[in-house]
Structures are given as C-alpha cells and as structure tokens.
C-alpha cells in the first residue's frame, strides 16, 4: 500500500488513541480528500460512537467506512437510482470485507457484550483509561476499517 495511505491508517488509530470515537477516527483520517476539515469530519462522525450513540449497534469504525463511501461516490441527484446502486454496492463490498476480518459488524458482538438491551442502557461515554484501551479491540477495528477504505482507494487508482 502506498505510504500516504499507510499514514492515513496510522492517523485513524492515533485519533482513536487520543480519545476520539471509532467513526470519528476513521472519517477524519481521510476527510481532507473530500474537502472536509478535521473538525467537521469529527463532528460528522461523533454520533456514531459506541455503535451509534452508544447503543452498541453497527460498529463505529464500520460506520466510518459508510460515511467515507458516501463522500467518495454517493449520488447527489435524488432520482439517480444507478448512482445509489453503485454506492450501495461499494458499501456492501467493503462491509463484507470488514465482517470477514472482524467476525461481525455489530459493536456489541465485537465487544462480546451479552444482553444487548443492557448495553444500550447508558448514553454516558466510557472513561478512556489504560485499562479501557487494554480491554477493547476498538483500535484494531479502527485500523481494519481504515485499511479497508485505503485499499479501496488504492484499487480505484489502479
């Protein structure tokens, strides 16, 4: 993979380790390619943390892939079914890769949380401590998502 794309993957992980959510971390690493500044990218991704609003649904890193695909090839005309379909195909292809690599697209499943309803009971973000980072696979999921998107970009250029 090109050095510039590797740097973006590293930047995504660094973002996460600085306390940003999984989606924020992935989107911000590529946002400048689409004319977004870092702050706006992080705002766009903010609500997807914790599996969408900490409800432990779709993984935030995976949500980051979806946001980036929309920025990359999302249709802009309401009745453009062909454009929508092309975007959906890319989303499905990249999310299939993520599921293959990570076992699931669902935050609760990735984290091994039992009782999905209990996982949804709080909107309070977890404190980012050394123990948090040791016990969570999230940095690896952010890396995986960023790498999947980087590989997509690289393949488009080929």
C-alpha atoms as a PDB file:
ATOM      1  CA  UNK A   1       0.000   0.000   0.000  1.00  0.00           C
ATOM      2  CA  UNK A   2       1.207   3.495  -0.769  1.00  0.00           C
ATOM      3  CA  UNK A   3       2.980   5.337   2.042  1.00  0.00           C
ATOM      4  CA  UNK A   4       0.373   8.129   2.047  1.00  0.00           C
ATOM      5  CA  UNK A   5      -2.438   5.609   2.583  1.00  0.00           C
ATOM      6  CA  UNK A   6      -0.469   3.825   5.325  1.00  0.00           C
ATOM      7  CA  UNK A   7      -0.091   7.212   7.034  1.00  0.00           C
ATOM      8  CA  UNK A   8      -3.863   7.653   6.915  1.00  0.00           C
ATOM      9  CA  UNK A   9      -4.390   4.243   8.537  1.00  0.00           C
ATOM     10  CA  UNK A  10      -1.923   5.215  11.274  1.00  0.00           C
ATOM     11  CA  UNK A  11      -3.666   8.582  11.690  1.00  0.00           C
ATOM     12  CA  UNK A  12      -7.005   6.815  12.220  1.00  0.00           C
ATOM     13  CA  UNK A  13      -5.527   4.714  15.045  1.00  0.00           C
ATOM     14  CA  UNK A  14      -3.795   7.769  16.525  1.00  0.00           C
ATOM     15  CA  UNK A  15      -7.121   9.625  16.510  1.00  0.00           C
ATOM     16  CA  UNK A  16      -8.745   6.798  18.438  1.00  0.00           C
ATOM     17  CA  UNK A  17      -5.911   6.672  20.955  1.00  0.00           C
ATOM     18  CA  UNK A  18      -6.387  10.413  21.539  1.00  0.00           C
ATOM     19  CA  UNK A  19      -9.956   9.761  22.673  1.00  0.00           C
ATOM     20  CA  UNK A  20     -11.999  10.173  19.504  1.00  0.00           C
ATOM     21  CA  UNK A  21     -14.698   7.657  18.665  1.00  0.00           C
ATOM     22  CA  UNK A  22     -14.190   4.900  16.132  1.00  0.00           C
ATOM     23  CA  UNK A  23     -16.191   6.598  13.377  1.00  0.00           C
ATOM     24  CA  UNK A  24     -14.609   9.996  14.032  1.00  0.00           C
ATOM     25  CA  UNK A  25     -11.169   8.423  13.869  1.00  0.00           C
ATOM     26  CA  UNK A  26     -11.731   6.728  10.521  1.00  0.00           C
ATOM     27  CA  UNK A  27     -13.557   9.605   8.826  1.00  0.00           C
ATOM     28  CA  UNK A  28     -11.068  12.265   9.974  1.00  0.00           C
ATOM     29  CA  UNK A  29      -8.135  10.266   8.586  1.00  0.00           C
ATOM     30  CA  UNK A  30      -9.490  10.641   5.029  1.00  0.00           C
ATOM     31  CA  UNK A  31     -11.690  13.749   5.262  1.00  0.00           C
ATOM     32  CA  UNK A  32      -9.304  16.150   3.543  1.00  0.00           C
ATOM     33  CA  UNK A  33      -9.622  14.085   0.354  1.00  0.00           C
ATOM     34  CA  UNK A  34     -13.246  15.263   0.218  1.00  0.00           C
ATOM     35  CA  UNK A  35     -12.763  18.896   1.197  1.00  0.00           C
ATOM     36  CA  UNK A  36     -13.660  18.438   4.857  1.00  0.00           C
ATOM     37  CA  UNK A  37     -11.523  19.865   7.596  1.00  0.00           C
ATOM     38  CA  UNK A  38     -10.620  17.773  10.642  1.00  0.00           C
ATOM     39  CA  UNK A  39     -13.147  19.438  12.944  1.00  0.00           C
ATOM     40  CA  UNK A  40     -16.087  18.953  10.572  1.00  0.00           C
ATOM     41  CA  UNK A  41     -15.107  15.336   9.943  1.00  0.00           C
ATOM     42  CA  UNK A  42     -15.062  14.663  13.673  1.00  0.00           C
ATOM     43  CA  UNK A  43     -18.452  16.322  14.089  1.00  0.00           C
ATOM     44  CA  UNK A  44     -19.946  14.216  11.296  1.00  0.00           C
ATOM     45  CA  UNK A  45     -18.658  11.039  12.949  1.00  0.00           C
ATOM     46  CA  UNK A  46     -19.437  11.993  16.561  1.00  0.00           C
ATOM     47  CA  UNK A  47     -22.893  10.438  16.875  1.00  0.00           C
ATOM     48  CA  UNK A  48     -21.784   7.060  15.541  1.00  0.00           C
ATOM     49  CA  UNK A  49     -19.589   6.267  18.565  1.00  0.00           C
ATOM     50  CA  UNK A  50     -20.300   3.262  20.746  1.00  0.00           C
ATOM     51  CA  UNK A  51     -22.148   1.523  17.943  1.00  0.00           C
ATOM     52  CA  UNK A  52     -24.324   4.566  17.144  1.00  0.00           C
ATOM     53  CA  UNK A  53     -24.992   6.726  20.164  1.00  0.00           C
ATOM     54  CA  UNK A  54     -23.519   4.072  22.469  1.00  0.00           C
ATOM     55  CA  UNK A  55     -26.411   1.722  21.636  1.00  0.00           C
ATOM     56  CA  UNK A  56     -23.889  -0.953  20.562  1.00  0.00           C
ATOM     57  CA  UNK A  57     -25.450  -1.406  17.143  1.00  0.00           C
ATOM     58  CA  UNK A  58     -23.306  -1.020  13.990  1.00  0.00           C
ATOM     59  CA  UNK A  59     -19.626  -0.632  14.861  1.00  0.00           C
ATOM     60  CA  UNK A  60     -18.465   2.987  14.659  1.00  0.00           C
ATOM     61  CA  UNK A  61     -15.409   2.065  12.604  1.00  0.00           C
ATOM     62  CA  UNK A  62     -17.712   0.349  10.108  1.00  0.00           C
ATOM     63  CA  UNK A  63     -19.967   3.417  10.128  1.00  0.00           C
ATOM     64  CA  UNK A  64     -16.850   5.391   9.212  1.00  0.00           C
ATOM     65  CA  UNK A  65     -16.446   3.274   6.097  1.00  0.00           C
ATOM     66  CA  UNK A  66     -20.070   4.014   5.152  1.00  0.00           C
ATOM     67  CA  UNK A  67     -19.609   7.772   5.631  1.00  0.00           C
ATOM     68  CA  UNK A  68     -16.428   7.745   3.539  1.00  0.00           C
ATOM     69  CA  UNK A  69     -18.016   5.747   0.732  1.00  0.00           C
ATOM     70  CA  UNK A  70     -20.830   8.290   0.646  1.00  0.00           C
ATOM     71  CA  UNK A  71     -18.283  11.090   0.374  1.00  0.00           C
ATOM     72  CA  UNK A  72     -16.391   9.199  -2.309  1.00  0.00           C
ATOM     73  CA  UNK A  73     -19.172   8.004  -4.588  1.00  0.00           C
ATOM     74  CA  UNK A  74     -22.557   8.907  -3.117  1.00  0.00           C
ATOM     75  CA  UNK A  75     -25.174  10.068  -5.593  1.00  0.00           C
ATOM     76  CA  UNK A  76     -26.267  13.704  -5.445  1.00  0.00           C
ATOM     77  CA  UNK A  77     -29.373  13.613  -7.612  1.00  0.00           C
ATOM     78  CA  UNK A  78     -32.468  12.336  -5.832  1.00  0.00           C
ATOM     79  CA  UNK A  79     -33.721  10.163  -8.661  1.00  0.00           C
ATOM     80  CA  UNK A  80     -30.318   8.693  -9.610  1.00  0.00           C
ATOM     81  CA  UNK A  81     -31.076   5.015  -8.926  1.00  0.00           C
ATOM     82  CA  UNK A  82     -27.950   3.939 -10.810  1.00  0.00           C
ATOM     83  CA  UNK A  83     -25.779   6.186  -8.621  1.00  0.00           C
ATOM     84  CA  UNK A  84     -27.457   4.945  -5.446  1.00  0.00           C
ATOM     85  CA  UNK A  85     -26.993   1.360  -6.533  1.00  0.00           C
ATOM     86  CA  UNK A  86     -23.303   1.907  -7.337  1.00  0.00           C
ATOM     87  CA  UNK A  87     -22.747   3.434  -3.883  1.00  0.00           C
ATOM     88  CA  UNK A  88     -24.660   0.622  -2.162  1.00  0.00           C
ATOM     89  CA  UNK A  89     -22.522  -1.941  -3.984  1.00  0.00           C
ATOM     90  CA  UNK A  90     -19.313  -0.357  -2.695  1.00  0.00           C
ATOM     91  CA  UNK A  91     -20.750  -0.204   0.844  1.00  0.00           C
ATOM     92  CA  UNK A  92     -21.790  -3.858   0.714  1.00  0.00           C
ATOM     93  CA  UNK A  93     -18.443  -4.977  -0.705  1.00  0.00           C
ATOM     94  CA  UNK A  94     -16.379  -3.099   1.900  1.00  0.00           C
ATOM     95  CA  UNK A  95     -18.616  -4.112   4.797  1.00  0.00           C
ATOM     96  CA  UNK A  96     -18.389  -7.750   3.694  1.00  0.00           C
ATOM     97  CA  UNK A  97     -14.598  -7.418   3.979  1.00  0.00           C
ATOM     98  CA  UNK A  98     -14.951  -5.911   7.431  1.00  0.00           C
ATOM     99  CA  UNK A  99     -17.277  -8.677   8.593  1.00  0.00           C
ATOM    100  CA  UNK A 100     -14.895 -11.286   7.215  1.00  0.00           C
ATOM    101  CA  UNK A 101     -11.944  -9.721   9.035  1.00  0.00           C
ATOM    102  CA  UNK A 102     -13.700  -8.903  12.309  1.00  0.00           C
ATOM    103  CA  UNK A 103     -16.433 -11.511  12.662  1.00  0.00           C
ATOM    104  CA  UNK A 104     -19.284  -9.023  12.890  1.00  0.00           C
ATOM    105  CA  UNK A 105     -20.413  -5.517  12.014  1.00  0.00           C
ATOM    106  CA  UNK A 106     -22.240  -5.144  15.340  1.00  0.00           C
ATOM    107  CA  UNK A 107     -20.471  -3.319  18.165  1.00  0.00           C
ATOM    108  CA  UNK A 108     -21.971  -5.455  20.958  1.00  0.00           C
ATOM    109  CA  UNK A 109     -20.889  -8.668  19.220  1.00  0.00           C
ATOM    110  CA  UNK A 110     -17.389  -7.357  18.527  1.00  0.00           C
ATOM    111  CA  UNK A 111     -17.044  -6.347  22.187  1.00  0.00           C
ATOM    112  CA  UNK A 112     -18.513  -9.651  23.381  1.00  0.00           C
ATOM    113  CA  UNK A 113     -21.276  -7.902  25.314  1.00  0.00           C
ATOM    114  CA  UNK A 114     -24.120 -10.081  26.492  1.00  0.00           C
ATOM    115  CA  UNK A 115     -27.572  -8.661  26.925  1.00  0.00           C
ATOM    116  CA  UNK A 116     -27.687  -6.152  24.091  1.00  0.00           C
ATOM    117  CA  UNK A 117     -30.503  -4.256  25.854  1.00  0.00           C
ATOM    118  CA  UNK A 118     -28.318  -3.696  28.913  1.00  0.00           C
ATOM    119  CA  UNK A 119     -25.544  -2.380  26.669  1.00  0.00           C
ATOM    120  CA  UNK A 120     -27.991   0.266  25.430  1.00  0.00           C
ATOM    121  CA  UNK A 121     -28.986   1.464  28.885  1.00  0.00           C
ATOM    122  CA  UNK A 122     -26.500   4.322  29.168  1.00  0.00           C
ATOM    123  CA  UNK A 123     -25.548   7.220  26.972  1.00  0.00           C
ATOM    124  CA  UNK A 124     -22.559   8.043  29.181  1.00  0.00           C
ATOM    125  CA  UNK A 125     -19.270   7.611  27.321  1.00  0.00           C
ATOM    126  CA  UNK A 126     -16.702   5.307  28.876  1.00  0.00           C
ATOM    127  CA  UNK A 127     -13.708   6.904  30.505  1.00  0.00           C
ATOM    128  CA  UNK A 128     -10.602   6.399  28.374  1.00  0.00           C
ATOM    129  CA  UNK A 129      -8.106   4.825  30.747  1.00  0.00           C
ATOM    130  CA  UNK A 130      -5.173   2.499  30.171  1.00  0.00           C
ATOM    131  CA  UNK A 131      -7.475  -0.361  31.212  1.00  0.00           C
ATOM    132  CA  UNK A 132     -10.097   0.732  28.665  1.00  0.00           C
ATOM    133  CA  UNK A 133      -7.569   0.552  25.843  1.00  0.00           C
ATOM    134  CA  UNK A 134      -6.272  -2.840  27.041  1.00  0.00           C
ATOM    135  CA  UNK A 135      -9.743  -4.375  27.275  1.00  0.00           C
ATOM    136  CA  UNK A 136     -11.182  -3.094  23.980  1.00  0.00           C
ATOM    137  CA  UNK A 137     -10.415  -4.312  20.482  1.00  0.00           C
ATOM    138  CA  UNK A 138     -11.546  -0.947  19.073  1.00  0.00           C
ATOM    139  CA  UNK A 139      -8.130   0.354  17.987  1.00  0.00           C
ATOM    140  CA  UNK A 140      -7.683  -2.781  15.887  1.00  0.00           C
ATOM    141  CA  UNK A 141     -11.179  -2.328  14.397  1.00  0.00           C
ATOM    142  CA  UNK A 142     -10.380   1.297  13.538  1.00  0.00           C
ATOM    143  CA  UNK A 143      -7.172   0.127  11.870  1.00  0.00           C
ATOM    144  CA  UNK A 144      -9.063  -2.565   9.958  1.00  0.00           C
ATOM    145  CA  UNK A 145     -11.723  -0.116   8.729  1.00  0.00           C
ATOM    146  CA  UNK A 146      -9.162   2.498   7.691  1.00  0.00           C
ATOM    147  CA  UNK A 147      -7.112  -0.147   5.879  1.00  0.00           C
ATOM    148  CA  UNK A 148     -10.188  -1.487   4.051  1.00  0.00           C
ATOM    149  CA  UNK A 149     -11.027   2.024   2.848  1.00  0.00           C
ATOM    150  CA  UNK A 150      -7.391   2.749   1.928  1.00  0.00           C
ATOM    151  CA  UNK A 151      -7.248  -0.466  -0.105  1.00  0.00           C
ATOM    152  CA  UNK A 152     -10.478   0.558  -1.861  1.00  0.00           C
ATOM    153  CA  UNK A 153      -8.909   3.908  -2.789  1.00  0.00           C
ATOM    154  CA  UNK A 154      -5.744   2.211  -3.975  1.00  0.00           C
ATOM    155  CA  UNK A 155      -7.717  -0.236  -6.143  1.00  0.00           C
ATOM    156  CA  UNK A 156      -9.663   2.653  -7.693  1.00  0.00           C
ATOM    157  CA  UNK A 157      -6.420   4.290  -8.774  1.00  0.00           C
ATOM    158  CA  UNK A 158      -5.054   1.114 -10.341  1.00  0.00           C
END
